[in-house]
Amino acid sequence: MGKKLAAYNDQGAIVAFYDTIDSPAPEGVTVAEITLEQWLFLLDGQANGKRMAVDASLAPVLLDPLPPTRTELADSKRAQRDSALKATDWLVSRHQDEKLIGNGTSLTAEQFTALLKYRQALRDLADAIGWPNVELPVAPDFVT
């Protein structure tokens, strides 16, 4: 085994590891030499949610993760919303099927209206002030 190398980008983030004998760095890749102990330290830190980087002196460091971007927050909130809608799809379908059959419904008319309003509030969420830093509307009691 040769010397360990940490490849890093313009921002100092470590993007790959190389070994001078087993897996040499491609030509033109910017690297910093690190010890085996530093390499293990970095891998352990990454496994625990840290970001790997090199500082101004090219010493390896572990950093806290970056906060999520607005796009990532919005994607996450949309996924939560979509999951909440999907979780109530069956109630809407059952109610509509029961109405078509004509033998009565499991939900009262008021419950079905509350369900539809809840689902519409979920759909309108992306237009809410403060999006994506908003809470999902509370589901009607009979849904949970």
N, C-alpha and C. Protein backbone atom coordinates (compact mmCIF):
# COMPACT_ATOMS: atom_id res chain seq x y z
N MET A 1 0.85 -1.17 0.00
CA MET A 1 0.00 0.00 0.00
C MET A 1 0.90 1.23 0.00
N GLY A 2 0.51 2.20 -0.83
CA GLY A 2 1.28 3.43 -0.92
C GLY A 2 0.75 4.51 0.00
N LYS A 3 1.04 5.73 -0.34
CA LYS A 3 0.57 6.87 0.43
C LYS A 3 -0.89 7.15 0.07
N LYS A 4 -1.66 7.60 1.06
CA LYS A 4 -3.07 7.96 0.85
C LYS A 4 -3.14 9.39 0.34
N LEU A 5 -4.06 9.60 -0.59
CA LEU A 5 -4.28 10.92 -1.16
C LEU A 5 -5.76 11.26 -1.09
N ALA A 6 -6.05 12.48 -0.72
CA ALA A 6 -7.44 12.96 -0.70
C ALA A 6 -7.59 13.97 -1.83
N ALA A 7 -8.45 13.66 -2.79
CA ALA A 7 -8.74 14.59 -3.88
C ALA A 7 -9.79 15.57 -3.39
N TYR A 8 -9.62 16.83 -3.74
CA TYR A 8 -10.58 17.85 -3.28
C TYR A 8 -10.91 18.81 -4.42
N ASN A 9 -12.07 19.44 -4.30
CA ASN A 9 -12.52 20.37 -5.34
C ASN A 9 -12.13 21.81 -4.97
N ASP A 10 -12.60 22.76 -5.77
CA ASP A 10 -12.25 24.17 -5.56
C ASP A 10 -12.72 24.72 -4.22
N GLN A 11 -13.77 24.13 -3.66
CA GLN A 11 -14.28 24.58 -2.36
C GLN A 11 -13.60 23.88 -1.19
N GLY A 12 -12.69 22.95 -1.48
CA GLY A 12 -11.99 22.22 -0.44
C GLY A 12 -12.68 20.95 0.00
N ALA A 13 -13.82 20.61 -0.61
CA ALA A 13 -14.53 19.39 -0.25
C ALA A 13 -13.78 18.18 -0.81
N ILE A 14 -13.56 17.19 0.02
CA ILE A 14 -12.91 15.97 -0.43
C ILE A 14 -13.91 15.18 -1.28
N VAL A 15 -13.49 14.82 -2.47
CA VAL A 15 -14.39 14.15 -3.42
C VAL A 15 -13.97 12.72 -3.73
N ALA A 16 -12.75 12.34 -3.37
CA ALA A 16 -12.29 10.97 -3.64
C ALA A 16 -11.01 10.71 -2.86
N PHE A 17 -10.69 9.44 -2.72
CA PHE A 17 -9.42 9.03 -2.11
C PHE A 17 -8.66 8.17 -3.12
N TYR A 18 -7.36 8.30 -3.06
CA TYR A 18 -6.50 7.51 -3.93
C TYR A 18 -5.34 6.97 -3.11
N ASP A 19 -4.64 6.00 -3.70
CA ASP A 19 -3.45 5.41 -3.11
C ASP A 19 -2.37 5.47 -4.18
N THR A 20 -1.18 5.91 -3.83
CA THR A 20 -0.14 6.11 -4.84
C THR A 20 0.26 4.83 -5.55
N ILE A 21 -0.01 3.68 -4.95
CA ILE A 21 0.35 2.41 -5.59
C ILE A 21 -0.89 1.69 -6.13
N ASP A 22 -1.87 1.48 -5.27
CA ASP A 22 -3.05 0.66 -5.64
C ASP A 22 -4.04 1.38 -6.55
N SER A 23 -4.20 2.68 -6.37
CA SER A 23 -5.17 3.43 -7.19
C SER A 23 -4.70 4.87 -7.32
N PRO A 24 -3.71 5.10 -8.18
CA PRO A 24 -3.17 6.45 -8.30
C PRO A 24 -4.20 7.45 -8.80
N ALA A 25 -4.04 8.68 -8.39
CA ALA A 25 -4.95 9.75 -8.82
C ALA A 25 -4.75 10.03 -10.30
N PRO A 26 -5.85 10.26 -11.02
CA PRO A 26 -5.72 10.63 -12.44
C PRO A 26 -4.95 11.93 -12.58
N GLU A 27 -4.31 12.09 -13.70
CA GLU A 27 -3.55 13.31 -13.95
C GLU A 27 -4.48 14.52 -13.90
N GLY A 28 -4.02 15.57 -13.26
CA GLY A 28 -4.78 16.81 -13.19
C GLY A 28 -5.69 16.92 -11.98
N VAL A 29 -5.84 15.84 -11.21
CA VAL A 29 -6.69 15.87 -10.02
C VAL A 29 -5.89 16.49 -8.88
N THR A 30 -6.50 17.43 -8.17
CA THR A 30 -5.85 18.10 -7.05
C THR A 30 -5.98 17.23 -5.82
N VAL A 31 -4.83 16.88 -5.20
CA VAL A 31 -4.84 15.99 -4.05
C VAL A 31 -3.99 16.55 -2.92
N ALA A 32 -4.30 16.07 -1.72
CA ALA A 32 -3.49 16.36 -0.54
C ALA A 32 -3.10 15.01 0.07
N GLU A 33 -1.86 14.89 0.47
CA GLU A 33 -1.40 13.65 1.09
C GLU A 33 -1.94 13.58 2.51
N ILE A 34 -2.45 12.41 2.88
CA ILE A 34 -2.97 12.21 4.23
C ILE A 34 -2.43 10.90 4.78
N THR A 35 -2.47 10.76 6.09
CA THR A 35 -2.02 9.53 6.73
C THR A 35 -3.16 8.51 6.75
N LEU A 36 -2.80 7.29 7.02
CA LEU A 36 -3.82 6.24 7.15
C LEU A 36 -4.79 6.59 8.29
N GLU A 37 -4.28 7.14 9.37
CA GLU A 37 -5.13 7.51 10.51
C GLU A 37 -6.10 8.63 10.12
N GLN A 38 -5.61 9.60 9.37
CA GLN A 38 -6.49 10.68 8.90
C GLN A 38 -7.56 10.14 7.96
N TRP A 39 -7.19 9.23 7.10
CA TRP A 39 -8.14 8.62 6.16
C TRP A 39 -9.25 7.90 6.94
N LEU A 40 -8.86 7.11 7.95
CA LEU A 40 -9.85 6.40 8.77
C LEU A 40 -10.73 7.38 9.55
N PHE A 41 -10.12 8.45 10.06
CA PHE A 41 -10.85 9.50 10.76
C PHE A 41 -11.91 10.13 9.84
N LEU A 42 -11.52 10.43 8.62
CA LEU A 42 -12.45 11.03 7.66
C LEU A 42 -13.59 10.08 7.33
N LEU A 43 -13.28 8.83 7.09
CA LEU A 43 -14.33 7.85 6.75
C LEU A 43 -15.30 7.67 7.91
N ASP A 44 -14.78 7.63 9.13
CA ASP A 44 -15.64 7.50 10.30
C ASP A 44 -16.53 8.73 10.44
N GLY A 45 -15.96 9.90 10.23
CA GLY A 45 -16.75 11.13 10.31
C GLY A 45 -17.84 11.18 9.27
N GLN A 46 -17.51 10.78 8.05
CA GLN A 46 -18.53 10.77 6.98
C GLN A 46 -19.65 9.79 7.33
N ALA A 47 -19.30 8.64 7.89
CA ALA A 47 -20.31 7.66 8.28
C ALA A 47 -21.23 8.20 9.37
N ASN A 48 -20.76 9.21 10.08
CA ASN A 48 -21.55 9.83 11.14
C ASN A 48 -22.15 11.17 10.72
N GLY A 49 -22.25 11.40 9.41
CA GLY A 49 -22.96 12.56 8.91
C GLY A 49 -22.14 13.81 8.68
N LYS A 50 -20.85 13.74 8.85
CA LYS A 50 -20.00 14.91 8.64
C LYS A 50 -19.58 15.02 7.18
N ARG A 51 -19.18 16.23 6.79
CA ARG A 51 -18.60 16.47 5.46
C ARG A 51 -17.09 16.44 5.59
N MET A 52 -16.43 15.87 4.59
CA MET A 52 -14.97 15.81 4.58
C MET A 52 -14.44 16.95 3.73
N ALA A 53 -13.37 17.59 4.21
CA ALA A 53 -12.78 18.71 3.47
C ALA A 53 -11.31 18.83 3.86
N VAL A 54 -10.64 19.71 3.16
CA VAL A 54 -9.29 20.09 3.55
C VAL A 54 -9.33 21.58 3.87
N ASP A 55 -8.54 21.98 4.86
CA ASP A 55 -8.49 23.40 5.22
C ASP A 55 -7.44 24.11 4.37
N ALA A 56 -7.16 25.36 4.68
CA ALA A 56 -6.23 26.17 3.89
C ALA A 56 -4.82 25.57 3.86
N SER A 57 -4.46 24.84 4.92
CA SER A 57 -3.13 24.22 4.96
C SER A 57 -3.15 22.80 4.38
N LEU A 58 -4.28 22.42 3.78
CA LEU A 58 -4.51 21.11 3.17
C LEU A 58 -4.60 19.98 4.19
N ALA A 59 -4.84 20.33 5.45
CA ALA A 59 -5.07 19.32 6.48
C ALA A 59 -6.52 18.85 6.39
N PRO A 60 -6.78 17.56 6.55
CA PRO A 60 -8.16 17.07 6.47
C PRO A 60 -8.96 17.51 7.69
N VAL A 61 -10.21 17.89 7.45
CA VAL A 61 -11.11 18.31 8.52
C VAL A 61 -12.50 17.73 8.27
N LEU A 62 -13.26 17.63 9.35
CA LEU A 62 -14.66 17.22 9.27
C LEU A 62 -15.52 18.44 9.58
N LEU A 63 -16.57 18.62 8.77
CA LEU A 63 -17.46 19.76 8.94
C LEU A 63 -18.89 19.27 9.13
N ASP A 64 -19.68 20.10 9.79
CA ASP A 64 -21.10 19.78 9.92
C ASP A 64 -21.74 19.80 8.54
N PRO A 65 -22.81 19.03 8.36
CA PRO A 65 -23.49 19.06 7.05
C PRO A 65 -24.06 20.44 6.76
N LEU A 66 -24.15 20.76 5.49
CA LEU A 66 -24.77 22.02 5.09
C LEU A 66 -26.26 21.95 5.35
N PRO A 67 -26.89 23.07 5.67
CA PRO A 67 -28.35 23.03 5.84
C PRO A 67 -29.00 22.74 4.49
N PRO A 68 -30.18 22.14 4.52
CA PRO A 68 -30.84 21.84 3.25
C PRO A 68 -31.17 23.13 2.49
N THR A 69 -31.12 23.04 1.18
CA THR A 69 -31.47 24.19 0.35
C THR A 69 -32.99 24.36 0.34
N ARG A 70 -33.44 25.51 -0.12
CA ARG A 70 -34.89 25.75 -0.24
C ARG A 70 -35.52 24.71 -1.16
N THR A 71 -34.84 24.35 -2.22
CA THR A 71 -35.35 23.34 -3.15
C THR A 71 -35.48 21.98 -2.46
N GLU A 72 -34.48 21.62 -1.68
CA GLU A 72 -34.53 20.35 -0.95
C GLU A 72 -35.66 20.37 0.08
N LEU A 73 -35.83 21.48 0.78
CA LEU A 73 -36.94 21.60 1.74
C LEU A 73 -38.28 21.48 1.03
N ALA A 74 -38.41 22.14 -0.12
CA ALA A 74 -39.67 22.09 -0.87
C ALA A 74 -39.93 20.68 -1.37
N ASP A 75 -38.91 20.00 -1.85
CA ASP A 75 -39.08 18.61 -2.31
C ASP A 75 -39.53 17.71 -1.17
N SER A 76 -38.94 17.90 -0.01
CA SER A 76 -39.31 17.10 1.15
C SER A 76 -40.76 17.39 1.57
N LYS A 77 -41.14 18.67 1.58
CA LYS A 77 -42.51 19.02 1.97
C LYS A 77 -43.52 18.49 0.97
N ARG A 78 -43.18 18.54 -0.33
CA ARG A 78 -44.08 17.98 -1.35
C ARG A 78 -44.24 16.47 -1.15
N ALA A 79 -43.16 15.79 -0.81
CA ALA A 79 -43.23 14.35 -0.57
C ALA A 79 -44.14 14.04 0.63
N GLN A 80 -44.04 14.87 1.68
CA GLN A 80 -44.92 14.69 2.84
C GLN A 80 -46.37 14.91 2.44
N ARG A 81 -46.60 15.97 1.67
CA ARG A 81 -47.96 16.28 1.21
C ARG A 81 -48.50 15.15 0.34
N ASP A 82 -47.71 14.68 -0.60
CA ASP A 82 -48.14 13.61 -1.49
C ASP A 82 -48.46 12.34 -0.71
N SER A 83 -47.66 12.07 0.30
CA SER A 83 -47.90 10.90 1.14
C SER A 83 -49.22 11.04 1.91
N ALA A 84 -49.49 12.24 2.41
CA ALA A 84 -50.75 12.47 3.13
C ALA A 84 -51.95 12.33 2.20
N LEU A 85 -51.82 12.82 0.97
CA LEU A 85 -52.91 12.66 0.00
C LEU A 85 -53.13 11.18 -0.32
N LYS A 86 -52.04 10.48 -0.57
CA LYS A 86 -52.14 9.06 -0.92
C LYS A 86 -52.76 8.25 0.22
N ALA A 87 -52.45 8.66 1.44
CA ALA A 87 -52.97 7.94 2.61
C ALA A 87 -54.49 8.06 2.74
N THR A 88 -55.09 9.06 2.08
CA THR A 88 -56.55 9.23 2.17
C THR A 88 -57.26 8.88 0.86
N ASP A 89 -56.51 8.51 -0.17
CA ASP A 89 -57.13 8.14 -1.45
C ASP A 89 -58.18 7.04 -1.27
N TRP A 90 -57.86 6.06 -0.46
CA TRP A 90 -58.77 4.94 -0.29
C TRP A 90 -60.09 5.37 0.34
N LEU A 91 -60.04 6.36 1.25
CA LEU A 91 -61.28 6.83 1.87
C LEU A 91 -62.21 7.48 0.84
N VAL A 92 -61.62 8.27 -0.05
CA VAL A 92 -62.41 8.92 -1.10
C VAL A 92 -63.00 7.86 -2.02
N SER A 93 -62.18 6.91 -2.44
CA SER A 93 -62.66 5.85 -3.34
C SER A 93 -63.75 5.02 -2.69
N ARG A 94 -63.54 4.65 -1.44
CA ARG A 94 -64.55 3.84 -0.75
C ARG A 94 -65.87 4.59 -0.65
N HIS A 95 -65.80 5.86 -0.28
CA HIS A 95 -67.02 6.66 -0.14
C HIS A 95 -67.76 6.76 -1.48
N GLN A 96 -67.01 7.04 -2.53
CA GLN A 96 -67.65 7.16 -3.85
C GLN A 96 -68.24 5.82 -4.30
N ASP A 97 -67.53 4.74 -4.07
CA ASP A 97 -68.05 3.41 -4.42
C ASP A 97 -69.33 3.09 -3.63
N GLU A 98 -69.30 3.39 -2.33
CA GLU A 98 -70.47 3.13 -1.50
C GLU A 98 -71.68 3.94 -1.96
N LYS A 99 -71.44 5.18 -2.37
CA LYS A 99 -72.54 6.01 -2.89
C LYS A 99 -73.12 5.40 -4.16
N LEU A 100 -72.25 4.93 -5.04
CA LEU A 100 -72.72 4.34 -6.30
C LEU A 100 -73.51 3.06 -6.07
N ILE A 101 -73.07 2.27 -5.10
CA ILE A 101 -73.78 1.02 -4.79
C ILE A 101 -75.13 1.32 -4.19
N GLY A 102 -75.21 2.37 -3.37
CA GLY A 102 -76.48 2.81 -2.82
C GLY A 102 -76.88 2.16 -1.52
N ASN A 103 -75.97 1.51 -0.83
CA ASN A 103 -76.30 0.86 0.44
C ASN A 103 -75.85 1.67 1.65
N GLY A 104 -75.62 2.95 1.49
CA GLY A 104 -75.12 3.79 2.59
C GLY A 104 -73.61 3.93 2.52
N THR A 105 -73.10 4.87 3.29
CA THR A 105 -71.67 5.14 3.29
C THR A 105 -71.09 5.02 4.68
N SER A 106 -69.80 4.70 4.73
CA SER A 106 -69.10 4.62 6.02
C SER A 106 -68.87 6.00 6.61
N LEU A 107 -68.67 7.00 5.75
CA LEU A 107 -68.48 8.37 6.21
C LEU A 107 -69.80 9.13 6.09
N THR A 108 -70.03 10.01 7.05
CA THR A 108 -71.19 10.89 6.92
C THR A 108 -70.87 11.94 5.86
N ALA A 109 -71.89 12.66 5.42
CA ALA A 109 -71.68 13.72 4.44
C ALA A 109 -70.73 14.78 5.01
N GLU A 110 -70.86 15.07 6.30
CA GLU A 110 -69.99 16.06 6.93
C GLU A 110 -68.55 15.58 6.98
N GLN A 111 -68.35 14.30 7.29
CA GLN A 111 -67.00 13.74 7.31
C GLN A 111 -66.37 13.76 5.91
N PHE A 112 -67.17 13.42 4.91
CA PHE A 112 -66.64 13.42 3.55
C PHE A 112 -66.27 14.83 3.12
N THR A 113 -67.08 15.81 3.48
CA THR A 113 -66.76 17.20 3.17
C THR A 113 -65.47 17.62 3.88
N ALA A 114 -65.33 17.25 5.14
CA ALA A 114 -64.11 17.57 5.90
C ALA A 114 -62.89 16.91 5.24
N LEU A 115 -63.07 15.69 4.77
CA LEU A 115 -61.98 14.98 4.10
C LEU A 115 -61.57 15.71 2.82
N LEU A 116 -62.56 16.11 2.04
CA LEU A 116 -62.26 16.83 0.79
C LEU A 116 -61.59 18.17 1.07
N LYS A 117 -62.02 18.87 2.11
CA LYS A 117 -61.40 20.15 2.46
C LYS A 117 -59.96 19.94 2.93
N TYR A 118 -59.74 18.89 3.68
CA TYR A 118 -58.38 18.55 4.12
C TYR A 118 -57.49 18.28 2.92
N ARG A 119 -57.97 17.48 1.99
CA ARG A 119 -57.19 17.15 0.80
C ARG A 119 -56.92 18.41 -0.04
N GLN A 120 -57.88 19.30 -0.13
CA GLN A 120 -57.67 20.54 -0.88
C GLN A 120 -56.65 21.42 -0.17
N ALA A 121 -56.69 21.45 1.15
CA ALA A 121 -55.71 22.22 1.90
C ALA A 121 -54.30 21.68 1.66
N LEU A 122 -54.19 20.37 1.54
CA LEU A 122 -52.89 19.77 1.21
C LEU A 122 -52.42 20.23 -0.18
N ARG A 123 -53.34 20.24 -1.13
CA ARG A 123 -52.98 20.65 -2.50
C ARG A 123 -52.59 22.13 -2.56
N ASP A 124 -53.23 22.95 -1.72
CA ASP A 124 -52.97 24.39 -1.72
C ASP A 124 -51.71 24.77 -0.93
N LEU A 125 -51.12 23.81 -0.28
CA LEU A 125 -50.00 24.08 0.63
C LEU A 125 -48.84 24.81 -0.05
N ALA A 126 -48.53 24.47 -1.28
CA ALA A 126 -47.38 25.09 -1.96
C ALA A 126 -47.59 26.58 -2.20
N ASP A 127 -48.82 27.05 -2.11
CA ASP A 127 -49.10 28.47 -2.28
C ASP A 127 -49.14 29.22 -0.94
N ALA A 128 -48.91 28.50 0.14
CA ALA A 128 -49.00 29.11 1.47
C ALA A 128 -47.83 30.07 1.71
N ILE A 129 -48.09 31.11 2.48
CA ILE A 129 -47.03 32.05 2.87
C ILE A 129 -46.02 31.27 3.72
N GLY A 130 -44.74 31.44 3.38
CA GLY A 130 -43.69 30.76 4.12
C GLY A 130 -43.28 29.42 3.53
N TRP A 131 -43.93 29.02 2.43
CA TRP A 131 -43.57 27.74 1.80
C TRP A 131 -42.07 27.70 1.53
N PRO A 132 -41.36 26.66 1.80
CA PRO A 132 -41.79 25.34 2.24
C PRO A 132 -41.73 25.15 3.76
N ASN A 133 -41.49 26.22 4.48
CA ASN A 133 -41.40 26.13 5.94
C ASN A 133 -42.78 26.27 6.56
N VAL A 134 -43.67 25.36 6.20
CA VAL A 134 -45.03 25.36 6.72
C VAL A 134 -45.36 23.97 7.25
N GLU A 135 -46.35 23.92 8.09
CA GLU A 135 -46.82 22.64 8.62
C GLU A 135 -47.93 22.09 7.74
N LEU A 136 -48.01 20.79 7.65
CA LEU A 136 -49.14 20.17 6.94
C LEU A 136 -50.42 20.44 7.73
N PRO A 137 -51.53 20.58 7.03
CA PRO A 137 -52.78 20.74 7.77
C PRO A 137 -53.06 19.47 8.58
N VAL A 138 -53.81 19.64 9.63
CA VAL A 138 -54.14 18.51 10.50
C VAL A 138 -55.27 17.70 9.86
N ALA A 139 -55.07 16.40 9.79
CA ALA A 139 -56.07 15.51 9.23
C ALA A 139 -57.27 15.44 10.16
N PRO A 140 -58.47 15.27 9.58
CA PRO A 140 -59.65 15.09 10.43
C PRO A 140 -59.46 13.88 11.35
N ASP A 141 -60.07 13.94 12.52
CA ASP A 141 -59.91 12.88 13.52
C ASP A 141 -60.19 11.48 12.97
N PHE A 142 -61.20 11.35 12.14
CA PHE A 142 -61.58 10.02 11.67
C PHE A 142 -60.57 9.44 10.68
N VAL A 143 -59.65 10.27 10.17
CA VAL A 143 -58.62 9.78 9.24
C VAL A 143 -57.51 9.08 10.01
N THR A 144 -57.17 9.62 11.17
CA THR A 144 -56.11 9.02 11.95
C THR A 144 -56.73 8.02 12.86
